[in-house]
C-alpha cells in the first residue's frame, strides 16, 4: 500500500494543470480550445503569450522534479534497496501520465514533454542535454515544436542506452525502462500531431 500511495501522489503532482490554470486566470478561457487542444507550454503561448508559455514550461518541468524528489524522500533511499530505484522511476512515469491524463480535466491534459524533462533532469541529466539540442535544432530548422518534442523524447532512451554501454550504471534497468515508456507515452500523446505532420497540415511555431 505504501508504494501505491507514492505512485498515486506522483500522479496527482503530475496532474496539476498549470497551463490550464494560467490561461483560465489570465484569459478566462480553456486553453484546450486552442491549437492542438493540449495544456502544455506551446498551446499556452498561442493563447496567452510567450511569458505564460515559459512559466507553464517551468512549472510543468518542476512537477517531474518534484515527483522524483518526493518519491525518494518517502522511500527513504537507500533503505529500500534496489527495488527503490524501480519505484522512483515508476513515480516519474506516474507524473508524466498524470500530466497527459489529469483527473481534474476529465483526463485531457498536455503532451508530457516538459514533465518528462523534469523527471529525466534528475534521473539522466546528460540525456536531457542531448535531447534539448535535438529539440532546439529541429525547432529552428522546421519551426515544428511537435516534431522537436517527438525527436527529443525518442533521443532520451537512446542516449541512456548508449551512455550505459560506455559507463555501466547500476540503475540502468529502471531508468531505461522509464525512458522508453515515457517516450512511448509522449508519442501516443502526439498521435494527432504525427498525423498532421504526415499530411503537411501541422501548425508551425512563430
N, C-alpha and C. Protein backbone atom coordinates (compact mmCIF):
# COMPACT_ATOMS: atom_id res chain seq x y z
N UNK A 1 0.82 -1.21 0.00
CA UNK A 1 0.00 0.00 0.00
C UNK A 1 0.86 1.26 0.00
N UNK A 2 2.00 1.22 0.66
CA UNK A 2 2.89 2.38 0.73
C UNK A 2 3.35 2.79 -0.67
N UNK A 3 3.69 1.79 -1.49
CA UNK A 3 4.14 2.08 -2.84
C UNK A 3 3.00 2.63 -3.70
N UNK A 4 1.80 2.11 -3.48
CA UNK A 4 0.63 2.61 -4.21
C UNK A 4 0.41 4.08 -3.88
N UNK A 5 0.57 4.42 -2.62
CA UNK A 5 0.42 5.82 -2.18
C UNK A 5 1.43 6.71 -2.88
N UNK A 6 2.68 6.26 -2.98
CA UNK A 6 3.73 7.05 -3.63
C UNK A 6 3.40 7.28 -5.10
N UNK A 7 2.96 6.24 -5.79
CA UNK A 7 2.62 6.39 -7.21
C UNK A 7 1.39 7.29 -7.38
N UNK A 8 0.40 7.15 -6.50
CA UNK A 8 -0.79 7.99 -6.58
C UNK A 8 -0.42 9.46 -6.35
N UNK A 9 0.47 9.70 -5.40
CA UNK A 9 0.90 11.07 -5.11
C UNK A 9 1.66 11.66 -6.29
N UNK A 10 2.53 10.85 -6.90
CA UNK A 10 3.28 11.30 -8.08
C UNK A 10 2.32 11.63 -9.22
N UNK A 11 1.31 10.79 -9.40
CA UNK A 11 0.30 11.05 -10.43
C UNK A 11 -0.42 12.37 -10.17
N UNK A 12 -0.81 12.61 -8.92
CA UNK A 12 -1.53 13.84 -8.59
C UNK A 12 -0.65 15.07 -8.78
N UNK A 13 0.63 14.94 -8.46
CA UNK A 13 1.56 16.05 -8.70
C UNK A 13 1.63 16.34 -10.20
N UNK A 14 1.78 15.28 -10.98
CA UNK A 14 1.86 15.44 -12.43
C UNK A 14 0.59 15.98 -13.04
N UNK A 15 -0.54 15.73 -12.40
CA UNK A 15 -1.83 16.12 -12.98
C UNK A 15 -2.22 17.56 -12.67
N UNK A 16 -1.41 18.28 -11.90
CA UNK A 16 -1.72 19.70 -11.65
C UNK A 16 -1.69 20.44 -12.98
N UNK A 17 -2.81 21.00 -13.44
CA UNK A 17 -2.89 21.58 -14.79
C UNK A 17 -2.46 23.05 -14.83
N UNK A 18 -1.16 23.28 -14.66
CA UNK A 18 -0.68 24.66 -14.59
C UNK A 18 -1.06 25.48 -15.83
N UNK A 19 -0.85 24.91 -17.02
CA UNK A 19 -1.17 25.63 -18.24
C UNK A 19 -2.64 26.02 -18.30
N UNK A 20 -3.49 25.09 -17.95
CA UNK A 20 -4.94 25.35 -17.95
C UNK A 20 -5.26 26.48 -16.96
N UNK A 21 -4.68 26.41 -15.76
CA UNK A 21 -4.98 27.40 -14.73
C UNK A 21 -4.45 28.78 -15.12
N UNK A 22 -3.28 28.84 -15.75
CA UNK A 22 -2.71 30.12 -16.15
C UNK A 22 -3.58 30.80 -17.20
N UNK A 23 -4.01 30.05 -18.20
CA UNK A 23 -4.87 30.62 -19.24
C UNK A 23 -6.24 30.99 -18.67
N UNK A 24 -6.76 30.16 -17.79
CA UNK A 24 -8.05 30.45 -17.17
C UNK A 24 -7.97 31.75 -16.37
N UNK A 25 -6.85 31.93 -15.65
CA UNK A 25 -6.70 33.12 -14.80
C UNK A 25 -6.45 34.39 -15.62
N UNK A 26 -5.71 34.27 -16.71
CA UNK A 26 -5.33 35.46 -17.47
C UNK A 26 -6.25 35.77 -18.64
N UNK A 27 -6.84 34.73 -19.23
CA UNK A 27 -7.67 34.93 -20.42
C UNK A 27 -9.13 34.54 -20.22
N UNK A 28 -9.43 33.97 -19.05
CA UNK A 28 -10.78 33.47 -18.79
C UNK A 28 -11.23 32.51 -19.89
N UNK A 29 -10.32 31.62 -20.28
CA UNK A 29 -10.60 30.70 -21.39
C UNK A 29 -10.02 29.33 -21.08
N UNK A 30 -10.48 28.33 -21.81
CA UNK A 30 -9.98 26.97 -21.71
C UNK A 30 -8.91 26.78 -22.79
N UNK A 31 -7.67 26.61 -22.37
CA UNK A 31 -6.56 26.50 -23.33
C UNK A 31 -6.75 25.31 -24.26
N UNK A 32 -7.53 24.33 -23.85
CA UNK A 32 -7.73 23.14 -24.67
C UNK A 32 -8.59 23.43 -25.91
N UNK A 33 -9.16 24.62 -25.96
CA UNK A 33 -9.92 25.03 -27.14
C UNK A 33 -9.03 25.71 -28.18
N UNK A 34 -7.72 25.77 -27.89
CA UNK A 34 -6.76 26.44 -28.77
C UNK A 34 -5.83 25.41 -29.41
N UNK A 35 -5.44 25.66 -30.64
CA UNK A 35 -4.40 24.87 -31.30
C UNK A 35 -4.62 23.37 -31.24
N UNK A 36 -3.64 22.68 -30.66
CA UNK A 36 -3.68 21.22 -30.61
C UNK A 36 -4.59 20.68 -29.52
N UNK A 37 -5.09 21.57 -28.66
CA UNK A 37 -6.01 21.14 -27.60
C UNK A 37 -5.33 20.69 -26.33
N UNK A 38 -4.00 20.87 -26.24
CA UNK A 38 -3.27 20.47 -25.04
C UNK A 38 -3.15 21.59 -24.04
N UNK A 39 -2.61 21.26 -22.87
CA UNK A 39 -2.43 22.25 -21.80
C UNK A 39 -0.97 22.64 -21.62
N UNK A 40 -0.12 22.25 -22.56
CA UNK A 40 1.31 22.49 -22.44
C UNK A 40 1.74 23.89 -22.84
N UNK A 41 3.04 24.13 -22.75
CA UNK A 41 3.60 25.46 -22.95
C UNK A 41 3.34 26.03 -24.33
N UNK A 42 3.43 25.21 -25.38
CA UNK A 42 3.22 25.71 -26.74
C UNK A 42 1.81 26.24 -26.91
N UNK A 43 0.84 25.48 -26.46
CA UNK A 43 -0.56 25.90 -26.59
C UNK A 43 -0.85 27.11 -25.72
N UNK A 44 -0.27 27.15 -24.53
CA UNK A 44 -0.44 28.30 -23.65
C UNK A 44 0.14 29.55 -24.30
N UNK A 45 1.30 29.41 -24.95
CA UNK A 45 1.91 30.54 -25.65
C UNK A 45 0.99 31.09 -26.73
N UNK A 46 0.34 30.19 -27.45
CA UNK A 46 -0.57 30.62 -28.51
C UNK A 46 -1.75 31.41 -27.95
N UNK A 47 -2.20 31.03 -26.76
CA UNK A 47 -3.41 31.65 -26.20
C UNK A 47 -3.10 32.84 -25.30
N UNK A 48 -2.01 32.76 -24.52
CA UNK A 48 -1.76 33.78 -23.51
C UNK A 48 -0.41 34.47 -23.63
N UNK A 49 0.37 34.16 -24.66
CA UNK A 49 1.64 34.83 -24.85
C UNK A 49 2.83 33.99 -24.40
N UNK A 50 4.01 34.39 -24.87
CA UNK A 50 5.21 33.60 -24.62
C UNK A 50 5.61 33.56 -23.15
N UNK A 51 5.40 34.65 -22.42
CA UNK A 51 5.75 34.66 -21.00
C UNK A 51 4.94 33.60 -20.25
N UNK A 52 3.66 33.50 -20.56
CA UNK A 52 2.81 32.48 -19.94
C UNK A 52 3.27 31.10 -20.35
N UNK A 53 3.71 30.96 -21.60
CA UNK A 53 4.21 29.68 -22.07
C UNK A 53 5.46 29.25 -21.35
N UNK A 54 6.38 30.18 -21.14
CA UNK A 54 7.62 29.87 -20.42
C UNK A 54 7.32 29.48 -18.98
N UNK A 55 6.42 30.22 -18.34
CA UNK A 55 6.04 29.89 -16.96
C UNK A 55 5.43 28.49 -16.89
N UNK A 56 4.59 28.18 -17.84
CA UNK A 56 3.99 26.84 -17.89
C UNK A 56 5.05 25.77 -18.06
N UNK A 57 6.00 26.02 -18.95
CA UNK A 57 7.09 25.08 -19.18
C UNK A 57 7.86 24.80 -17.90
N UNK A 58 8.20 25.85 -17.17
CA UNK A 58 8.98 25.70 -15.93
C UNK A 58 8.17 24.95 -14.87
N UNK A 59 6.91 25.31 -14.72
CA UNK A 59 6.08 24.66 -13.70
C UNK A 59 5.82 23.20 -14.04
N UNK A 60 5.59 22.91 -15.32
CA UNK A 60 5.36 21.53 -15.71
C UNK A 60 6.62 20.68 -15.51
N UNK A 61 7.79 21.25 -15.80
CA UNK A 61 9.05 20.53 -15.57
C UNK A 61 9.24 20.31 -14.07
N UNK A 62 8.89 21.31 -13.28
CA UNK A 62 9.03 21.19 -11.83
C UNK A 62 8.20 20.05 -11.27
N UNK A 63 7.07 19.75 -11.92
CA UNK A 63 6.24 18.61 -11.48
C UNK A 63 7.03 17.31 -11.56
N UNK A 64 7.79 17.14 -12.63
CA UNK A 64 8.59 15.93 -12.77
C UNK A 64 9.67 15.84 -11.72
N UNK A 65 10.35 16.98 -11.49
CA UNK A 65 11.39 17.02 -10.46
C UNK A 65 10.79 16.72 -9.09
N UNK A 66 9.65 17.33 -8.81
CA UNK A 66 9.01 17.16 -7.51
C UNK A 66 8.56 15.72 -7.28
N UNK A 67 8.02 15.09 -8.31
CA UNK A 67 7.55 13.71 -8.17
C UNK A 67 8.70 12.78 -7.82
N UNK A 68 9.85 12.96 -8.48
CA UNK A 68 11.02 12.14 -8.17
C UNK A 68 11.54 12.45 -6.77
N UNK A 69 11.60 13.74 -6.43
CA UNK A 69 12.10 14.12 -5.11
C UNK A 69 11.25 13.58 -3.98
N UNK A 70 9.93 13.71 -4.13
CA UNK A 70 9.02 13.22 -3.10
C UNK A 70 9.12 11.70 -2.97
N UNK A 71 9.21 11.01 -4.10
CA UNK A 71 9.32 9.55 -4.07
C UNK A 71 10.59 9.12 -3.33
N UNK A 72 11.69 9.79 -3.61
CA UNK A 72 12.95 9.44 -2.96
C UNK A 72 12.89 9.69 -1.46
N UNK A 73 12.26 10.78 -1.07
CA UNK A 73 12.14 11.10 0.36
C UNK A 73 11.27 10.06 1.07
N UNK A 74 10.12 9.75 0.48
CA UNK A 74 9.21 8.81 1.12
C UNK A 74 9.75 7.39 1.14
N UNK A 75 10.50 7.04 0.12
CA UNK A 75 11.10 5.70 0.09
C UNK A 75 12.28 5.58 1.04
N UNK A 76 12.84 6.70 1.42
CA UNK A 76 13.96 6.69 2.34
C UNK A 76 15.18 6.02 1.77
N UNK A 77 15.53 6.33 0.52
CA UNK A 77 16.71 5.73 -0.10
C UNK A 77 17.93 5.93 0.78
N UNK A 78 18.83 4.94 0.90
CA UNK A 78 18.79 3.65 0.22
C UNK A 78 18.17 2.52 1.07
N UNK A 79 17.33 2.87 2.01
CA UNK A 79 16.78 1.88 2.94
C UNK A 79 15.97 0.80 2.24
N UNK A 80 15.37 1.12 1.10
CA UNK A 80 14.54 0.15 0.41
C UNK A 80 15.33 -0.73 -0.56
N UNK A 81 16.64 -0.51 -0.65
CA UNK A 81 17.47 -1.35 -1.51
C UNK A 81 17.24 -1.09 -2.98
N UNK A 82 17.56 -2.09 -3.81
CA UNK A 82 17.49 -1.92 -5.26
C UNK A 82 16.09 -1.64 -5.76
N UNK A 83 15.07 -2.22 -5.13
CA UNK A 83 13.70 -2.01 -5.61
C UNK A 83 13.27 -0.55 -5.54
N UNK A 84 13.89 0.21 -4.65
CA UNK A 84 13.52 1.62 -4.53
C UNK A 84 13.78 2.36 -5.82
N UNK A 85 14.83 2.00 -6.54
CA UNK A 85 15.13 2.65 -7.82
C UNK A 85 14.00 2.44 -8.82
N UNK A 86 13.41 1.26 -8.80
CA UNK A 86 12.28 0.99 -9.68
C UNK A 86 11.08 1.85 -9.30
N UNK A 87 10.79 1.97 -8.02
CA UNK A 87 9.64 2.75 -7.59
C UNK A 87 9.84 4.24 -7.87
N UNK A 88 11.06 4.71 -7.76
CA UNK A 88 11.35 6.11 -8.12
C UNK A 88 11.11 6.33 -9.60
N UNK A 89 11.59 5.40 -10.43
CA UNK A 89 11.38 5.51 -11.88
C UNK A 89 9.89 5.45 -12.21
N UNK A 90 9.16 4.57 -11.54
CA UNK A 90 7.72 4.47 -11.78
C UNK A 90 6.99 5.72 -11.32
N UNK A 91 7.49 6.36 -10.27
CA UNK A 91 6.89 7.61 -9.81
C UNK A 91 7.05 8.69 -10.88
N UNK A 92 8.22 8.71 -11.53
CA UNK A 92 8.42 9.65 -12.63
C UNK A 92 7.44 9.41 -13.76
N UNK A 93 7.24 8.14 -14.10
CA UNK A 93 6.27 7.80 -15.14
C UNK A 93 4.85 8.19 -14.72
N UNK A 94 4.54 8.01 -13.45
CA UNK A 94 3.20 8.37 -12.95
C UNK A 94 2.96 9.86 -13.10
N UNK A 95 4.00 10.66 -12.88
CA UNK A 95 3.86 12.11 -13.04
C UNK A 95 3.59 12.49 -14.49
N UNK A 96 4.32 11.86 -15.41
CA UNK A 96 4.11 12.13 -16.83
C UNK A 96 2.70 11.69 -17.24
N UNK A 97 2.30 10.52 -16.76
CA UNK A 97 0.95 10.01 -17.05
C UNK A 97 -0.10 10.99 -16.52
N UNK A 98 0.15 11.52 -15.32
CA UNK A 98 -0.78 12.47 -14.73
C UNK A 98 -0.90 13.74 -15.54
N UNK A 99 0.22 14.19 -16.10
CA UNK A 99 0.19 15.40 -16.93
C UNK A 99 -0.62 15.17 -18.20
N UNK A 100 -0.46 14.01 -18.80
CA UNK A 100 -1.17 13.71 -20.04
C UNK A 100 -2.64 13.41 -19.77
N UNK A 101 -2.91 12.71 -18.67
CA UNK A 101 -4.29 12.31 -18.34
C UNK A 101 -4.66 12.81 -16.94
N UNK A 102 -4.84 14.13 -16.77
CA UNK A 102 -5.15 14.67 -15.44
C UNK A 102 -6.59 14.41 -15.02
N UNK A 103 -6.76 13.92 -13.83
CA UNK A 103 -8.10 13.60 -13.33
C UNK A 103 -8.96 14.84 -13.22
N UNK A 104 -8.33 16.01 -13.00
CA UNK A 104 -9.07 17.25 -12.81
C UNK A 104 -9.70 17.76 -14.12
N UNK A 105 -9.18 17.35 -15.25
CA UNK A 105 -9.65 17.87 -16.55
C UNK A 105 -10.21 16.75 -17.41
N UNK A 106 -10.91 15.83 -16.79
CA UNK A 106 -11.50 14.67 -17.48
C UNK A 106 -10.46 13.96 -18.36
N UNK A 107 -9.24 13.88 -17.83
CA UNK A 107 -8.14 13.12 -18.45
C UNK A 107 -7.70 13.69 -19.80
N UNK A 108 -7.89 15.00 -20.00
CA UNK A 108 -7.42 15.68 -21.21
C UNK A 108 -6.40 16.74 -20.81
N UNK A 109 -5.12 16.39 -20.89
CA UNK A 109 -4.07 17.31 -20.47
C UNK A 109 -3.12 17.68 -21.58
N UNK A 110 -1.83 17.68 -21.25
CA UNK A 110 -0.81 18.06 -22.20
C UNK A 110 -0.15 16.86 -22.85
N UNK A 111 1.03 17.09 -23.40
CA UNK A 111 1.73 16.04 -24.15
C UNK A 111 2.82 15.34 -23.33
N UNK A 112 3.09 15.84 -22.12
CA UNK A 112 4.02 15.16 -21.22
C UNK A 112 5.49 15.52 -21.40
N UNK A 113 5.80 16.39 -22.34
CA UNK A 113 7.21 16.66 -22.66
C UNK A 113 7.92 17.38 -21.51
N UNK A 114 7.36 18.50 -21.06
CA UNK A 114 8.04 19.28 -20.02
C UNK A 114 8.15 18.49 -18.71
N UNK A 115 7.10 17.77 -18.35
CA UNK A 115 7.15 16.96 -17.13
C UNK A 115 8.17 15.84 -17.27
N UNK A 116 8.24 15.25 -18.47
CA UNK A 116 9.27 14.24 -18.73
C UNK A 116 10.67 14.82 -18.62
N UNK A 117 10.85 16.05 -19.09
CA UNK A 117 12.15 16.72 -18.96
C UNK A 117 12.53 16.85 -17.49
N UNK A 118 11.55 17.25 -16.66
CA UNK A 118 11.83 17.37 -15.23
C UNK A 118 12.22 16.04 -14.60
N UNK A 119 11.55 14.98 -15.00
CA UNK A 119 11.86 13.64 -14.48
C UNK A 119 13.30 13.25 -14.82
N UNK A 120 13.67 13.44 -16.09
CA UNK A 120 14.98 12.96 -16.52
C UNK A 120 16.11 13.95 -16.26
N UNK A 121 15.76 15.19 -15.89
CA UNK A 121 16.79 16.08 -15.37
C UNK A 121 17.39 15.51 -14.09
N UNK A 122 16.56 14.77 -13.36
CA UNK A 122 17.02 14.12 -12.13
C UNK A 122 17.63 12.75 -12.42
N UNK A 123 16.95 11.96 -13.26
CA UNK A 123 17.38 10.57 -13.48
C UNK A 123 18.51 10.44 -14.49
N UNK A 124 18.50 11.26 -15.54
CA UNK A 124 19.50 11.14 -16.60
C UNK A 124 19.77 12.51 -17.23
N UNK A 125 20.43 13.40 -16.50
CA UNK A 125 20.61 14.78 -16.98
C UNK A 125 21.36 14.89 -18.30
N UNK A 126 22.35 14.03 -18.53
CA UNK A 126 23.11 14.09 -19.79
C UNK A 126 22.19 13.81 -20.98
N UNK A 127 21.28 12.88 -20.82
CA UNK A 127 20.34 12.56 -21.90
C UNK A 127 19.42 13.74 -22.20
N UNK A 128 19.06 14.48 -21.16
CA UNK A 128 18.20 15.66 -21.35
C UNK A 128 18.95 16.74 -22.12
N UNK A 129 20.23 16.90 -21.84
CA UNK A 129 21.03 17.90 -22.56
C UNK A 129 21.06 17.58 -24.05
N UNK A 130 21.33 16.32 -24.38
CA UNK A 130 21.38 15.92 -25.79
C UNK A 130 20.00 16.09 -26.43
N UNK A 131 18.96 15.67 -25.72
CA UNK A 131 17.60 15.81 -26.24
C UNK A 131 17.24 17.28 -26.44
N UNK A 132 17.73 18.13 -25.54
CA UNK A 132 17.49 19.56 -25.68
C UNK A 132 18.09 20.12 -26.95
N UNK A 133 19.30 19.67 -27.27
CA UNK A 133 19.96 20.10 -28.51
C UNK A 133 19.14 19.65 -29.72
N UNK A 134 18.68 18.40 -29.68
CA UNK A 134 17.86 17.87 -30.77
C UNK A 134 16.59 18.70 -30.93
N UNK A 135 15.97 19.03 -29.81
CA UNK A 135 14.74 19.83 -29.85
C UNK A 135 14.98 21.20 -30.46
N UNK A 136 16.02 21.88 -30.00
CA UNK A 136 16.31 23.24 -30.47
C UNK A 136 16.65 23.24 -31.95
N UNK A 137 17.54 22.33 -32.37
CA UNK A 137 17.94 22.27 -33.77
C UNK A 137 16.74 21.96 -34.67
N UNK A 138 15.94 20.98 -34.26
CA UNK A 138 14.75 20.63 -35.04
C UNK A 138 13.78 21.81 -35.13
N UNK A 139 13.58 22.48 -34.00
CA UNK A 139 12.68 23.62 -33.98
C UNK A 139 13.14 24.75 -34.87
N UNK A 140 14.43 25.04 -34.83
CA UNK A 140 14.97 26.12 -35.65
C UNK A 140 14.89 25.81 -37.13
N UNK A 141 15.12 24.55 -37.48
CA UNK A 141 15.14 24.16 -38.88
C UNK A 141 13.73 24.00 -39.47
N UNK A 142 12.80 23.54 -38.66
CA UNK A 142 11.47 23.22 -39.20
C UNK A 142 10.35 24.11 -38.67
N UNK A 143 10.55 24.73 -37.49
CA UNK A 143 9.52 25.51 -36.79
C UNK A 143 8.37 24.63 -36.30
N UNK A 144 8.60 23.34 -36.27
CA UNK A 144 7.60 22.41 -35.72
C UNK A 144 8.00 22.04 -34.30
N UNK A 145 7.32 22.59 -33.31
CA UNK A 145 7.60 22.23 -31.93
C UNK A 145 7.27 20.77 -31.68
N UNK A 146 6.19 20.29 -32.28
CA UNK A 146 5.78 18.90 -32.08
C UNK A 146 6.84 17.93 -32.58
N UNK A 147 7.41 18.21 -33.74
CA UNK A 147 8.45 17.33 -34.28
C UNK A 147 9.68 17.34 -33.39
N UNK A 148 10.06 18.53 -32.91
CA UNK A 148 11.19 18.62 -31.99
C UNK A 148 10.94 17.85 -30.72
N UNK A 149 9.72 17.93 -30.21
CA UNK A 149 9.37 17.22 -28.97
C UNK A 149 9.42 15.71 -29.18
N UNK A 150 8.90 15.26 -30.31
CA UNK A 150 8.87 13.83 -30.61
C UNK A 150 10.29 13.28 -30.72
N UNK A 151 11.13 13.98 -31.47
CA UNK A 151 12.52 13.52 -31.65
C UNK A 151 13.29 13.58 -30.35
N UNK A 152 13.04 14.61 -29.54
CA UNK A 152 13.72 14.73 -28.26
C UNK A 152 13.31 13.59 -27.32
N UNK A 153 12.02 13.24 -27.33
CA UNK A 153 11.54 12.15 -26.48
C UNK A 153 12.19 10.83 -26.88
N UNK A 154 12.36 10.61 -28.17
CA UNK A 154 13.00 9.38 -28.65
C UNK A 154 14.49 9.38 -28.32
N UNK A 155 15.08 10.57 -28.30
CA UNK A 155 16.52 10.69 -28.05
C UNK A 155 16.91 10.24 -26.65
N UNK A 156 16.07 10.55 -25.67
CA UNK A 156 16.44 10.26 -24.27
C UNK A 156 16.73 8.78 -24.03
N UNK A 157 15.85 7.84 -24.38
CA UNK A 157 16.20 6.43 -24.15
C UNK A 157 17.40 5.97 -24.96
N UNK A 158 17.57 6.52 -26.17
CA UNK A 158 18.73 6.15 -26.99
C UNK A 158 20.03 6.56 -26.29
N UNK A 159 20.05 7.79 -25.77
CA UNK A 159 21.25 8.28 -25.08
C UNK A 159 21.50 7.49 -23.80
N UNK A 160 20.42 7.19 -23.07
CA UNK A 160 20.56 6.40 -21.83
C UNK A 160 21.20 5.05 -22.13
N UNK A 161 20.76 4.40 -23.19
CA UNK A 161 21.28 3.08 -23.56
C UNK A 161 22.73 3.18 -24.02
N UNK A 162 23.02 4.16 -24.86
CA UNK A 162 24.40 4.33 -25.36
C UNK A 162 25.34 4.68 -24.22
N UNK A 163 24.91 5.59 -23.34
CA UNK A 163 25.75 6.01 -22.22
C UNK A 163 26.07 4.83 -21.31
N UNK A 164 25.09 3.95 -21.10
CA UNK A 164 25.32 2.79 -20.23
C UNK A 164 26.32 1.82 -20.84
N UNK A 165 26.39 1.78 -22.16
CA UNK A 165 27.34 0.88 -22.81
C UNK A 165 28.78 1.32 -22.57
N UNK A 166 28.98 2.61 -22.32
CA UNK A 166 30.32 3.13 -22.03
C UNK A 166 30.59 3.20 -20.53
N UNK A 167 29.57 3.61 -19.79
CA UNK A 167 29.71 3.73 -18.33
C UNK A 167 28.55 3.02 -17.68
N UNK A 168 28.70 1.74 -17.35
CA UNK A 168 27.60 0.97 -16.76
C UNK A 168 27.04 1.62 -15.50
N UNK A 169 25.72 1.71 -15.44
CA UNK A 169 25.03 2.35 -14.33
C UNK A 169 24.19 1.29 -13.61
N UNK A 170 24.35 1.15 -12.29
CA UNK A 170 23.57 0.14 -11.56
C UNK A 170 22.06 0.41 -11.63
N UNK A 171 21.68 1.65 -11.93
CA UNK A 171 20.27 2.00 -12.04
C UNK A 171 19.78 1.95 -13.49
N UNK A 172 20.57 1.34 -14.37
CA UNK A 172 20.25 1.38 -15.80
C UNK A 172 18.88 0.80 -16.12
N UNK A 173 18.55 -0.36 -15.56
CA UNK A 173 17.29 -1.01 -15.92
C UNK A 173 16.07 -0.15 -15.60
N UNK A 174 15.92 0.35 -14.37
CA UNK A 174 14.74 1.18 -14.10
C UNK A 174 14.73 2.48 -14.90
N UNK A 175 15.90 3.11 -15.08
CA UNK A 175 15.95 4.37 -15.81
C UNK A 175 15.64 4.15 -17.29
N UNK A 176 16.21 3.09 -17.88
CA UNK A 176 15.96 2.81 -19.30
C UNK A 176 14.49 2.43 -19.52
N UNK A 177 13.92 1.67 -18.58
CA UNK A 177 12.50 1.33 -18.68
C UNK A 177 11.65 2.59 -18.64
N UNK A 178 11.98 3.48 -17.70
CA UNK A 178 11.23 4.73 -17.59
C UNK A 178 11.39 5.58 -18.84
N UNK A 179 12.60 5.62 -19.39
CA UNK A 179 12.85 6.44 -20.58
C UNK A 179 12.09 5.92 -21.79
N UNK A 180 12.11 4.62 -21.99
CA UNK A 180 11.41 4.02 -23.13
C UNK A 180 9.90 4.19 -22.99
N UNK A 181 9.39 3.93 -21.78
CA UNK A 181 7.94 4.04 -21.56
C UNK A 181 7.48 5.49 -21.66
N UNK A 182 8.29 6.41 -21.14
CA UNK A 182 7.95 7.83 -21.23
C UNK A 182 7.91 8.28 -22.69
N UNK A 183 8.89 7.83 -23.46
CA UNK A 183 8.90 8.18 -24.89
C UNK A 183 7.64 7.64 -25.58
N UNK A 184 7.25 6.43 -25.22
CA UNK A 184 6.04 5.84 -25.81
C UNK A 184 4.79 6.65 -25.43
N UNK A 185 4.71 7.09 -24.18
CA UNK A 185 3.58 7.91 -23.74
C UNK A 185 3.52 9.23 -24.51
N UNK A 186 4.69 9.85 -24.68
CA UNK A 186 4.75 11.13 -25.38
C UNK A 186 4.39 10.96 -26.85
N UNK A 187 4.85 9.89 -27.46
CA UNK A 187 4.48 9.61 -28.85
C UNK A 187 2.97 9.41 -28.97
N UNK A 188 2.39 8.68 -28.02
CA UNK A 188 0.95 8.47 -28.03
C UNK A 188 0.21 9.79 -27.91
N UNK A 189 0.69 10.66 -27.01
CA UNK A 189 0.05 11.96 -26.81
C UNK A 189 0.17 12.84 -28.05
N UNK A 190 1.19 12.58 -28.87
CA UNK A 190 1.41 13.37 -30.09
C UNK A 190 0.82 12.70 -31.33
N UNK A 191 -0.02 11.70 -31.15
CA UNK A 191 -0.52 10.96 -32.31
C UNK A 191 -1.25 11.87 -33.30
N UNK A 192 -1.99 12.86 -32.77
CA UNK A 192 -2.65 13.81 -33.66
C UNK A 192 -1.66 14.66 -34.42
N UNK A 193 -0.61 15.10 -33.72
CA UNK A 193 0.44 15.89 -34.37
C UNK A 193 1.15 15.10 -35.44
N UNK A 194 1.40 13.83 -35.15
CA UNK A 194 2.08 12.97 -36.12
C UNK A 194 1.25 12.86 -37.39
N UNK A 195 -0.06 12.70 -37.21
CA UNK A 195 -0.95 12.63 -38.37
C UNK A 195 -0.90 13.91 -39.18
N UNK A 196 -0.90 15.06 -38.50
CA UNK A 196 -0.86 16.34 -39.21
C UNK A 196 0.49 16.57 -39.86
N UNK A 197 1.57 16.11 -39.23
CA UNK A 197 2.89 16.23 -39.84
C UNK A 197 2.95 15.43 -41.14
N UNK A 198 2.39 14.25 -41.12
CA UNK A 198 2.38 13.40 -42.34
C UNK A 198 1.55 14.05 -43.43
N UNK A 199 0.44 14.69 -43.02
CA UNK A 199 -0.44 15.32 -44.01
C UNK A 199 0.03 16.70 -44.44
N UNK A 200 1.02 17.25 -43.69
CA UNK A 200 1.52 18.58 -44.01
C UNK A 200 0.63 19.71 -43.51
N UNK A 201 -0.21 19.43 -42.51
CA UNK A 201 -1.13 20.45 -42.01
C UNK A 201 -0.79 20.90 -40.59
N UNK A 202 0.32 20.43 -40.05
CA UNK A 202 0.71 20.81 -38.69
C UNK A 202 1.09 22.29 -38.64
N UNK A 203 0.68 22.98 -37.56
CA UNK A 203 0.98 24.40 -37.41
C UNK A 203 2.44 24.59 -37.03
N UNK A 204 3.07 25.59 -37.62
CA UNK A 204 4.45 25.95 -37.26
C UNK A 204 4.42 27.00 -36.17
N UNK A 205 5.42 26.95 -35.29
CA UNK A 205 5.51 27.93 -34.20
C UNK A 205 6.17 29.19 -34.73
N UNK A 206 5.55 30.34 -34.46
CA UNK A 206 6.06 31.60 -34.99
C UNK A 206 6.90 32.31 -33.93
